[in-house]
Amino acid sequence: GQCPLGTDPALATTAAQELLRPLVDEPLVAADGREVTFLAA
């Protein structure tokens, strides 16, 4: 329940790509200042 990949396991790969691919061009910044890229995630 409350899975971050949605409610349909068949769509989990698409959901993961939607979470990860934006990090290719726009990494998140962690509390310690490091950039979290697609690779790191």
PDB file of all heavy atoms in Angstrom:
ATOM      1  N   GLY A   1       0.822  -1.201   0.000  1.00  0.00           N
ATOM      2  CA  GLY A   1       0.000   0.000   0.000  1.00  0.00           C
ATOM      3  C   GLY A   1       0.860   1.257   0.000  1.00  0.00           C
ATOM      4  O   GLY A   1       1.992   1.251   0.481  1.00  0.00           O
ATOM      5  N   GLN A   2       0.333   2.341  -0.571  1.00  0.00           N
ATOM      6  CA  GLN A   2       1.028   3.623  -0.656  1.00  0.00           C
ATOM      7  C   GLN A   2       2.415   3.458  -1.279  1.00  0.00           C
ATOM      8  O   GLN A   2       3.398   4.051  -0.821  1.00  0.00           O
ATOM      9  CB  GLN A   2       1.141   4.278   0.724  1.00  0.00           C
ATOM     10  CG  GLN A   2      -0.198   4.650   1.336  1.00  0.00           C
ATOM     11  CD  GLN A   2      -0.075   5.398   2.639  1.00  0.00           C
ATOM     12  OE1 GLN A   2       0.824   5.129   3.449  1.00  0.00           O
ATOM     13  NE2 GLN A   2      -0.964   6.358   2.872  1.00  0.00           N
ATOM     14  N   CYS A   3       2.483   2.665  -2.326  1.00  0.00           N
ATOM     15  CA  CYS A   3       3.749   2.425  -3.017  1.00  0.00           C
ATOM     16  C   CYS A   3       4.119   3.639  -3.861  1.00  0.00           C
ATOM     17  O   CYS A   3       3.283   4.142  -4.628  1.00  0.00           O
ATOM     18  CB  CYS A   3       3.630   1.185  -3.904  1.00  0.00           C
ATOM     19  SG  CYS A   3       5.093   0.852  -4.914  1.00  0.00           S
ATOM     20  N   PRO A   4       5.360   4.120  -3.776  1.00  0.00           N
ATOM     21  CA  PRO A   4       5.769   5.281  -4.575  1.00  0.00           C
ATOM     22  C   PRO A   4       5.819   4.997  -6.066  1.00  0.00           C
ATOM     23  O   PRO A   4       5.992   5.930  -6.863  1.00  0.00           O
ATOM     24  CB  PRO A   4       7.162   5.613  -4.025  1.00  0.00           C
ATOM     25  CG  PRO A   4       7.642   4.344  -3.409  1.00  0.00           C
ATOM     26  CD  PRO A   4       6.429   3.662  -2.866  1.00  0.00           C
ATOM     27  N   LEU A   5       5.673   3.729  -6.447  1.00  0.00           N
ATOM     28  CA  LEU A   5       5.653   3.356  -7.867  1.00  0.00           C
ATOM     29  C   LEU A   5       4.229   3.219  -8.397  1.00  0.00           C
ATOM     30  O   LEU A   5       4.030   2.792  -9.534  1.00  0.00           O
ATOM     31  CB  LEU A   5       6.420   2.053  -8.084  1.00  0.00           C
ATOM     32  CG  LEU A   5       7.904   2.090  -7.723  1.00  0.00           C
ATOM     33  CD1 LEU A   5       8.526   0.700  -7.851  1.00  0.00           C
ATOM     34  CD2 LEU A   5       8.666   3.087  -8.591  1.00  0.00           C
ATOM     35  N   GLY A   6       3.246   3.540  -7.581  1.00  0.00           N
ATOM     36  CA  GLY A   6       1.857   3.483  -8.023  1.00  0.00           C
ATOM     37  C   GLY A   6       1.132   2.252  -7.523  1.00  0.00           C
ATOM     38  O   GLY A   6       1.600   1.544  -6.632  1.00  0.00           O
ATOM     39  N   THR A   7      -0.012   1.975  -8.134  1.00  0.00           N
ATOM     40  CA  THR A   7      -0.870   0.877  -7.694  1.00  0.00           C
ATOM     41  C   THR A   7      -0.874  -0.302  -8.647  1.00  0.00           C
ATOM     42  O   THR A   7      -1.499  -1.322  -8.342  1.00  0.00           O
ATOM     43  CB  THR A   7      -2.313   1.379  -7.527  1.00  0.00           C
ATOM     44  OG1 THR A   7      -2.777   1.908  -8.788  1.00  0.00           O
ATOM     45  CG2 THR A   7      -2.395   2.468  -6.453  1.00  0.00           C
ATOM     46  N   ASP A   8      -0.205  -0.201  -9.761  1.00  0.00           N
ATOM     47  CA  ASP A   8      -0.178  -1.280 -10.762  1.00  0.00           C
ATOM     48  C   ASP A   8       1.262  -1.722 -10.974  1.00  0.00           C
ATOM     49  O   ASP A   8       2.057  -0.981 -11.563  1.00  0.00           O
ATOM     50  CB  ASP A   8      -0.782  -0.796 -12.078  1.00  0.00           C
ATOM     51  CG  ASP A   8      -0.899  -1.904 -13.110  1.00  0.00           C
ATOM     52  OD1 ASP A   8      -0.373  -3.022 -12.869  1.00  0.00           O
ATOM     53  OD2 ASP A   8      -1.510  -1.662 -14.167  1.00  0.00           O
ATOM     54  N   PRO A   9       1.641  -2.934 -10.528  1.00  0.00           N
ATOM     55  CA  PRO A   9       3.031  -3.382 -10.704  1.00  0.00           C
ATOM     56  C   PRO A   9       3.471  -3.401 -12.159  1.00  0.00           C
ATOM     57  O   PRO A   9       4.660  -3.235 -12.453  1.00  0.00           O
ATOM     58  CB  PRO A   9       3.016  -4.794 -10.107  1.00  0.00           C
ATOM     59  CG  PRO A   9       1.856  -4.819  -9.180  1.00  0.00           C
ATOM     60  CD  PRO A   9       0.827  -3.913  -9.789  1.00  0.00           C
ATOM     61  N   ALA A  10       2.532  -3.587 -13.075  1.00  0.00           N
ATOM     62  CA  ALA A  10       2.884  -3.639 -14.494  1.00  0.00           C
ATOM     63  C   ALA A  10       3.401  -2.294 -15.000  1.00  0.00           C
ATOM     64  O   ALA A  10       4.077  -2.236 -16.032  1.00  0.00           O
ATOM     65  CB  ALA A  10       1.674  -4.082 -15.316  1.00  0.00           C
ATOM     66  N   LEU A  11       3.077  -1.224 -14.285  1.00  0.00           N
ATOM     67  CA  LEU A  11       3.506   0.119 -14.695  1.00  0.00           C
ATOM     68  C   LEU A  11       4.675   0.630 -13.857  1.00  0.00           C
ATOM     69  O   LEU A  11       5.040   1.806 -13.948  1.00  0.00           O
ATOM     70  CB  LEU A  11       2.331   1.089 -14.585  1.00  0.00           C
ATOM     71  CG  LEU A  11       1.101   0.757 -15.437  1.00  0.00           C
ATOM     72  CD1 LEU A  11       0.006   1.784 -15.191  1.00  0.00           C
ATOM     73  CD2 LEU A  11       1.467   0.706 -16.921  1.00  0.00           C
ATOM     74  N   ALA A  12       5.277  -0.245 -13.052  1.00  0.00           N
ATOM     75  CA  ALA A  12       6.338   0.190 -12.136  1.00  0.00           C
ATOM     76  C   ALA A  12       7.578   0.681 -12.869  1.00  0.00           C
ATOM     77  O   ALA A  12       8.231   1.640 -12.425  1.00  0.00           O
ATOM     78  CB  ALA A  12       6.707  -0.951 -11.194  1.00  0.00           C
ATOM     79  N   THR A  13       7.925   0.050 -13.986  1.00  0.00           N
ATOM     80  CA  THR A  13       9.103   0.493 -14.732  1.00  0.00           C
ATOM     81  C   THR A  13       8.910   1.915 -15.249  1.00  0.00           C
ATOM     82  O   THR A  13       9.813   2.761 -15.133  1.00  0.00           O
ATOM     83  CB  THR A  13       9.388  -0.464 -15.901  1.00  0.00           C
ATOM     84  OG1 THR A  13       9.860  -1.718 -15.376  1.00  0.00           O
ATOM     85  CG2 THR A  13      10.454   0.105 -16.835  1.00  0.00           C
ATOM     86  N   THR A  14       7.743   2.197 -15.786  1.00  0.00           N
ATOM     87  CA  THR A  14       7.449   3.553 -16.255  1.00  0.00           C
ATOM     88  C   THR A  14       7.496   4.545 -15.105  1.00  0.00           C
ATOM     89  O   THR A  14       8.043   5.655 -15.228  1.00  0.00           O
ATOM     90  CB  THR A  14       6.066   3.590 -16.933  1.00  0.00           C
ATOM     91  OG1 THR A  14       6.065   2.704 -18.056  1.00  0.00           O
ATOM     92  CG2 THR A  14       5.731   5.000 -17.399  1.00  0.00           C
ATOM     93  N   ALA A  15       6.954   4.140 -13.954  1.00  0.00           N
ATOM     94  CA  ALA A  15       6.968   5.027 -12.788  1.00  0.00           C
ATOM     95  C   ALA A  15       8.396   5.306 -12.330  1.00  0.00           C
ATOM     96  O   ALA A  15       8.733   6.441 -11.946  1.00  0.00           O
ATOM     97  CB  ALA A  15       6.156   4.399 -11.655  1.00  0.00           C
ATOM     98  N   ALA A  16       9.247   4.287 -12.355  1.00  0.00           N
ATOM     99  CA  ALA A  16      10.648   4.491 -11.961  1.00  0.00           C
ATOM    100  C   ALA A  16      11.347   5.447 -12.923  1.00  0.00           C
ATOM    101  O   ALA A  16      12.113   6.320 -12.498  1.00  0.00           O
ATOM    102  CB  ALA A  16      11.372   3.154 -11.917  1.00  0.00           C
ATOM    103  N   GLN A  17      11.097   5.283 -14.218  1.00  0.00           N
ATOM    104  CA  GLN A  17      11.703   6.198 -15.187  1.00  0.00           C
ATOM    105  C   GLN A  17      11.241   7.631 -14.962  1.00  0.00           C
ATOM    106  O   GLN A  17      12.031   8.580 -15.072  1.00  0.00           O
ATOM    107  CB  GLN A  17      11.346   5.747 -16.604  1.00  0.00           C
ATOM    108  CG  GLN A  17      12.030   4.458 -17.038  1.00  0.00           C
ATOM    109  CD  GLN A  17      11.608   4.011 -18.415  1.00  0.00           C
ATOM    110  OE1 GLN A  17      10.547   4.408 -18.917  1.00  0.00           O
ATOM    111  NE2 GLN A  17      12.428   3.186 -19.055  1.00  0.00           N
ATOM    112  N   GLU A  18       9.973   7.806 -14.616  1.00  0.00           N
ATOM    113  CA  GLU A  18       9.458   9.151 -14.371  1.00  0.00           C
ATOM    114  C   GLU A  18      10.103   9.786 -13.143  1.00  0.00           C
ATOM    115  O   GLU A  18      10.268  11.011 -13.077  1.00  0.00           O
ATOM    116  CB  GLU A  18       7.936   9.091 -14.198  1.00  0.00           C
ATOM    117  CG  GLU A  18       7.199   8.757 -15.493  1.00  0.00           C
ATOM    118  CD  GLU A  18       5.702   8.538 -15.281  1.00  0.00           C
ATOM    119  OE1 GLU A  18       5.276   8.474 -14.097  1.00  0.00           O
ATOM    120  OE2 GLU A  18       4.972   8.419 -16.283  1.00  0.00           O
ATOM    121  N   LEU A  19      10.492   8.956 -12.165  1.00  0.00           N
ATOM    122  CA  LEU A  19      11.189   9.458 -10.992  1.00  0.00           C
ATOM    123  C   LEU A  19      12.652   9.764 -11.271  1.00  0.00           C
ATOM    124  O   LEU A  19      13.201  10.752 -10.770  1.00  0.00           O
ATOM    125  CB  LEU A  19      11.106   8.427  -9.861  1.00  0.00           C
ATOM    126  CG  LEU A  19       9.922   8.481  -8.906  1.00  0.00           C
ATOM    127  CD1 LEU A  19       9.978   7.293  -7.947  1.00  0.00           C
ATOM    128  CD2 LEU A  19       9.924   9.795  -8.129  1.00  0.00           C
ATOM    129  N   LEU A  20      13.292   8.920 -12.063  1.00  0.00           N
ATOM    130  CA  LEU A  20      14.740   8.991 -12.217  1.00  0.00           C
ATOM    131  C   LEU A  20      15.197   9.881 -13.368  1.00  0.00           C
ATOM    132  O   LEU A  20      16.200  10.591 -13.237  1.00  0.00           O
ATOM    133  CB  LEU A  20      15.308   7.581 -12.428  1.00  0.00           C
ATOM    134  CG  LEU A  20      15.164   6.601 -11.264  1.00  0.00           C
ATOM    135  CD1 LEU A  20      15.682   5.226 -11.665  1.00  0.00           C
ATOM    136  CD2 LEU A  20      15.921   7.107 -10.044  1.00  0.00           C
ATOM    137  N   ARG A  21      14.510   9.840 -14.486  1.00  0.00           N
ATOM    138  CA  ARG A  21      15.027  10.540 -15.661  1.00  0.00           C
ATOM    139  C   ARG A  21      15.165  12.050 -15.494  1.00  0.00           C
ATOM    140  O   ARG A  21      16.092  12.646 -16.045  1.00  0.00           O
ATOM    141  CB  ARG A  21      14.166  10.208 -16.890  1.00  0.00           C
ATOM    142  CG  ARG A  21      14.457   8.832 -17.450  1.00  0.00           C
ATOM    143  CD  ARG A  21      13.765   8.620 -18.782  1.00  0.00           C
ATOM    144  NE  ARG A  21      14.144   7.341 -19.385  1.00  0.00           N
ATOM    145  CZ  ARG A  21      13.742   6.932 -20.584  1.00  0.00           C
ATOM    146  NH1 ARG A  21      12.939   7.716 -21.300  1.00  0.00           N
ATOM    147  NH2 ARG A  21      14.136   5.773 -21.054  1.00  0.00           N
ATOM    148  N   PRO A  22      14.294  12.720 -14.742  1.00  0.00           N
ATOM    149  CA  PRO A  22      14.505  14.167 -14.548  1.00  0.00           C
ATOM    150  C   PRO A  22      15.840  14.492 -13.884  1.00  0.00           C
ATOM    151  O   PRO A  22      16.367  15.608 -14.058  1.00  0.00           O
ATOM    152  CB  PRO A  22      13.327  14.564 -13.646  1.00  0.00           C
ATOM    153  CG  PRO A  22      12.260  13.575 -13.971  1.00  0.00           C
ATOM    154  CD  PRO A  22      12.987  12.287 -14.191  1.00  0.00           C
ATOM    155  N   LEU A  23      16.405  13.513 -13.154  1.00  0.00           N
ATOM    156  CA  LEU A  23      17.673  13.756 -12.477  1.00  0.00           C
ATOM    157  C   LEU A  23      18.853  13.794 -13.443  1.00  0.00           C
ATOM    158  O   LEU A  23      19.945  14.213 -13.059  1.00  0.00           O
ATOM    159  CB  LEU A  23      17.919  12.666 -11.429  1.00  0.00           C
ATOM    160  CG  LEU A  23      16.850  12.525 -10.337  1.00  0.00           C
ATOM    161  CD1 LEU A  23      17.186  11.369  -9.413  1.00  0.00           C
ATOM    162  CD2 LEU A  23      16.726  13.826  -9.554  1.00  0.00           C
ATOM    163  N   VAL A  24      18.660  13.347 -14.682  1.00  0.00           N
ATOM    164  CA  VAL A  24      19.739  13.422 -15.675  1.00  0.00           C
ATOM    165  C   VAL A  24      20.146  14.876 -15.891  1.00  0.00           C
ATOM    166  O   VAL A  24      21.333  15.217 -15.911  1.00  0.00           O
ATOM    167  CB  VAL A  24      19.299  12.787 -17.009  1.00  0.00           C
ATOM    168  CG1 VAL A  24      20.356  13.024 -18.087  1.00  0.00           C
ATOM    169  CG2 VAL A  24      19.060  11.291 -16.831  1.00  0.00           C
ATOM    170  N   ASP A  25      19.145  15.748 -16.035  1.00  0.00           N
ATOM    171  CA  ASP A  25      19.420  17.157 -16.316  1.00  0.00           C
ATOM    172  C   ASP A  25      19.270  18.055 -15.090  1.00  0.00           C
ATOM    173  O   ASP A  25      19.861  19.138 -15.039  1.00  0.00           O
ATOM    174  CB  ASP A  25      18.478  17.655 -17.417  1.00  0.00           C
ATOM    175  CG  ASP A  25      18.699  16.934 -18.742  1.00  0.00           C
ATOM    176  OD1 ASP A  25      19.876  16.721 -19.109  1.00  0.00           O
ATOM    177  OD2 ASP A  25      17.696  16.574 -19.384  1.00  0.00           O
ATOM    178  N   GLU A  26      18.512  17.614 -14.102  1.00  0.00           N
ATOM    179  CA  GLU A  26      18.269  18.443 -12.924  1.00  0.00           C
ATOM    180  C   GLU A  26      18.456  17.608 -11.658  1.00  0.00           C
ATOM    181  O   GLU A  26      17.473  17.160 -11.042  1.00  0.00           O
ATOM    182  CB  GLU A  26      16.858  19.039 -12.968  1.00  0.00           C
ATOM    183  CG  GLU A  26      16.639  19.980 -14.143  1.00  0.00           C
ATOM    184  CD  GLU A  26      15.244  20.578 -14.147  1.00  0.00           C
ATOM    185  OE1 GLU A  26      14.513  20.377 -13.145  1.00  0.00           O
ATOM    186  OE2 GLU A  26      14.878  21.239 -15.120  1.00  0.00           O
ATOM    187  N   PRO A  27      19.689  17.397 -11.247  1.00  0.00           N
ATOM    188  CA  PRO A  27      19.935  16.611 -10.020  1.00  0.00           C
ATOM    189  C   PRO A  27      19.340  17.298  -8.800  1.00  0.00           C
ATOM    190  O   PRO A  27      19.208  18.527  -8.759  1.00  0.00           O
ATOM    191  CB  PRO A  27      21.464  16.562  -9.938  1.00  0.00           C
ATOM    192  CG  PRO A  27      21.953  16.913 -11.306  1.00  0.00           C
ATOM    193  CD  PRO A  27      20.936  17.844 -11.885  1.00  0.00           C
ATOM    194  N   LEU A  28      18.994  16.495  -7.807  1.00  0.00           N
ATOM    195  CA  LEU A  28      18.596  17.031  -6.515  1.00  0.00           C
ATOM    196  C   LEU A  28      19.851  17.256  -5.674  1.00  0.00           C
ATOM    197  O   LEU A  28      20.889  16.632  -5.911  1.00  0.00           O
ATOM    198  CB  LEU A  28      17.659  16.069  -5.799  1.00  0.00           C
ATOM    199  CG  LEU A  28      16.278  15.859  -6.444  1.00  0.00           C
ATOM    200  CD1 LEU A  28      15.518  14.757  -5.718  1.00  0.00           C
ATOM    201  CD2 LEU A  28      15.476  17.157  -6.433  1.00  0.00           C
ATOM    202  N   VAL A  29      19.756  18.116  -4.705  1.00  0.00           N
ATOM    203  CA  VAL A  29      20.887  18.402  -3.828  1.00  0.00           C
ATOM    204  C   VAL A  29      20.563  17.858  -2.447  1.00  0.00           C
ATOM    205  O   VAL A  29      19.543  18.203  -1.844  1.00  0.00           O
ATOM    206  CB  VAL A  29      21.184  19.912  -3.754  1.00  0.00           C
ATOM    207  CG1 VAL A  29      22.352  20.166  -2.807  1.00  0.00           C
ATOM    208  CG2 VAL A  29      21.494  20.458  -5.146  1.00  0.00           C
ATOM    209  N   ALA A  30      21.429  16.983  -1.957  1.00  0.00           N
ATOM    210  CA  ALA A  30      21.235  16.376  -0.639  1.00  0.00           C
ATOM    211  C   ALA A  30      21.625  17.362   0.461  1.00  0.00           C
ATOM    212  O   ALA A  30      22.254  18.396   0.205  1.00  0.00           O
ATOM    213  CB  ALA A  30      22.071  15.098  -0.529  1.00  0.00           C
ATOM    214  N   ALA A  31      21.302  17.012   1.685  1.00  0.00           N
ATOM    215  CA  ALA A  31      21.559  17.898   2.820  1.00  0.00           C
ATOM    216  C   ALA A  31      23.041  18.183   3.003  1.00  0.00           C
ATOM    217  O   ALA A  31      23.420  19.252   3.509  1.00  0.00           O
ATOM    218  CB  ALA A  31      20.981  17.290   4.096  1.00  0.00           C
ATOM    219  N   ASP A  32      23.902  17.236   2.566  1.00  0.00           N
ATOM    220  CA  ASP A  32      25.342  17.456   2.716  1.00  0.00           C
ATOM    221  C   ASP A  32      25.943  18.209   1.539  1.00  0.00           C
ATOM    222  O   ASP A  32      27.160  18.373   1.457  1.00  0.00           O
ATOM    223  CB  ASP A  32      26.073  16.118   2.915  1.00  0.00           C
ATOM    224  CG  ASP A  32      25.969  15.187   1.715  1.00  0.00           C
ATOM    225  OD1 ASP A  32      25.348  15.573   0.692  1.00  0.00           O
ATOM    226  OD2 ASP A  32      26.519  14.071   1.789  1.00  0.00           O
ATOM    227  N   GLY A  33      25.080  18.678   0.603  1.00  0.00           N
ATOM    228  CA  GLY A  33      25.545  19.473  -0.522  1.00  0.00           C
ATOM    229  C   GLY A  33      25.863  18.676  -1.769  1.00  0.00           C
ATOM    230  O   GLY A  33      26.126  19.268  -2.832  1.00  0.00           O
ATOM    231  N   ARG A  34      25.835  17.357  -1.700  1.00  0.00           N
ATOM    232  CA  ARG A  34      26.130  16.549  -2.881  1.00  0.00           C
ATOM    233  C   ARG A  34      24.949  16.517  -3.838  1.00  0.00           C
ATOM    234  O   ARG A  34      23.793  16.437  -3.413  1.00  0.00           O
ATOM    235  CB  ARG A  34      26.489  15.116  -2.481  1.00  0.00           C
ATOM    236  CG  ARG A  34      27.877  14.971  -1.896  1.00  0.00           C
ATOM    237  CD  ARG A  34      28.225  13.501  -1.731  1.00  0.00           C
ATOM    238  NE  ARG A  34      27.506  12.880  -0.626  1.00  0.00           N
ATOM    239  CZ  ARG A  34      27.354  11.572  -0.480  1.00  0.00           C
ATOM    240  NH1 ARG A  34      27.834  10.745  -1.404  1.00  0.00           N
ATOM    241  NH2 ARG A  34      26.718  11.090   0.570  1.00  0.00           N
ATOM    242  N   GLU A  35      25.254  16.538  -5.123  1.00  0.00           N
ATOM    243  CA  GLU A  35      24.219  16.379  -6.128  1.00  0.00           C
ATOM    244  C   GLU A  35      23.846  14.914  -6.265  1.00  0.00           C
ATOM    245  O   GLU A  35      24.721  14.045  -6.317  1.00  0.00           O
ATOM    246  CB  GLU A  35      24.686  16.911  -7.486  1.00  0.00           C
ATOM    247  CG  GLU A  35      24.771  18.418  -7.569  1.00  0.00           C
ATOM    248  CD  GLU A  35      24.961  18.900  -9.006  1.00  0.00           C
ATOM    249  OE1 GLU A  35      25.328  18.065  -9.864  1.00  0.00           O
ATOM    250  OE2 GLU A  35      24.734  20.089  -9.261  1.00  0.00           O
ATOM    251  N   VAL A  36      22.551  14.649  -6.294  1.00  0.00           N
ATOM    252  CA  VAL A  36      22.056  13.283  -6.483  1.00  0.00           C
ATOM    253  C   VAL A  36      21.516  13.185  -7.903  1.00  0.00           C
ATOM    254  O   VAL A  36      20.444  13.703  -8.225  1.00  0.00           O
ATOM    255  CB  VAL A  36      20.976  12.934  -5.445  1.00  0.00           C
ATOM    256  CG1 VAL A  36      20.466  11.514  -5.683  1.00  0.00           C
ATOM    257  CG2 VAL A  36      21.550  13.065  -4.041  1.00  0.00           C
ATOM    258  N   THR A  37      22.304  12.540  -8.736  1.00  0.00           N
ATOM    259  CA  THR A  37      21.996  12.417 -10.152  1.00  0.00           C
ATOM    260  C   THR A  37      21.186  11.153 -10.426  1.00  0.00           C
ATOM    261  O   THR A  37      20.893  10.359  -9.524  1.00  0.00           O
ATOM    262  CB  THR A  37      23.304  12.343 -10.945  1.00  0.00           C
ATOM    263  OG1 THR A  37      24.012  11.151 -10.537  1.00  0.00           O
ATOM    264  CG2 THR A  37      24.173  13.566 -10.686  1.00  0.00           C
ATOM    265  N   PHE A  38      20.836  10.971 -11.692  1.00  0.00           N
ATOM    266  CA  PHE A  38      20.218   9.708 -12.117  1.00  0.00           C
ATOM    267  C   PHE A  38      21.067   8.528 -11.665  1.00  0.00           C
ATOM    268  O   PHE A  38      20.547   7.539 -11.135  1.00  0.00           O
ATOM    269  CB  PHE A  38      20.093   9.713 -13.647  1.00  0.00           C
ATOM    270  CG  PHE A  38      19.509   8.451 -14.227  1.00  0.00           C
ATOM    271  CD1 PHE A  38      18.171   8.393 -14.588  1.00  0.00           C
ATOM    272  CD2 PHE A  38      20.282   7.312 -14.417  1.00  0.00           C
ATOM    273  CE1 PHE A  38      17.625   7.230 -15.128  1.00  0.00           C
ATOM    274  CE2 PHE A  38      19.751   6.150 -14.945  1.00  0.00           C
ATOM    275  CZ  PHE A  38      18.413   6.111 -15.296  1.00  0.00           C
ATOM    276  N   LEU A  39      22.364   8.642 -11.849  1.00  0.00           N
ATOM    277  CA  LEU A  39      23.261   7.543 -11.502  1.00  0.00           C
ATOM    278  C   LEU A  39      23.206   7.222 -10.016  1.00  0.00           C
ATOM    279  O   LEU A  39      23.058   6.063  -9.618  1.00  0.00           O
ATOM    280  CB  LEU A  39      24.695   7.887 -11.895  1.00  0.00           C
ATOM    281  CG  LEU A  39      24.998   7.956 -13.377  1.00  0.00           C
ATOM    282  CD1 LEU A  39      26.415   8.490 -13.590  1.00  0.00           C
ATOM    283  CD2 LEU A  39      24.858   6.585 -14.017  1.00  0.00           C
ATOM    284  N   ALA A  40      23.325   8.232  -9.170  1.00  0.00           N
ATOM    285  CA  ALA A  40      23.357   8.001  -7.731  1.00  0.00           C
ATOM    286  C   ALA A  40      22.048   7.399  -7.238  1.00  0.00           C
ATOM    287  O   ALA A  40      22.041   6.466  -6.414  1.00  0.00           O
ATOM    288  CB  ALA A  40      23.663   9.302  -7.000  1.00  0.00           C
ATOM    289  N   ALA A  41      20.919   7.921  -7.717  1.00  0.00           N
ATOM    290  CA  ALA A  41      19.628   7.387  -7.295  1.00  0.00           C
ATOM    291  C   ALA A  41      19.447   5.950  -7.779  1.00  0.00           C
ATOM    292  O   ALA A  41      18.956   5.084  -7.034  1.00  0.00           O
ATOM    293  CB  ALA A  41      18.499   8.273  -7.817  1.00  0.00           C
TER     294      ALA A  41
END
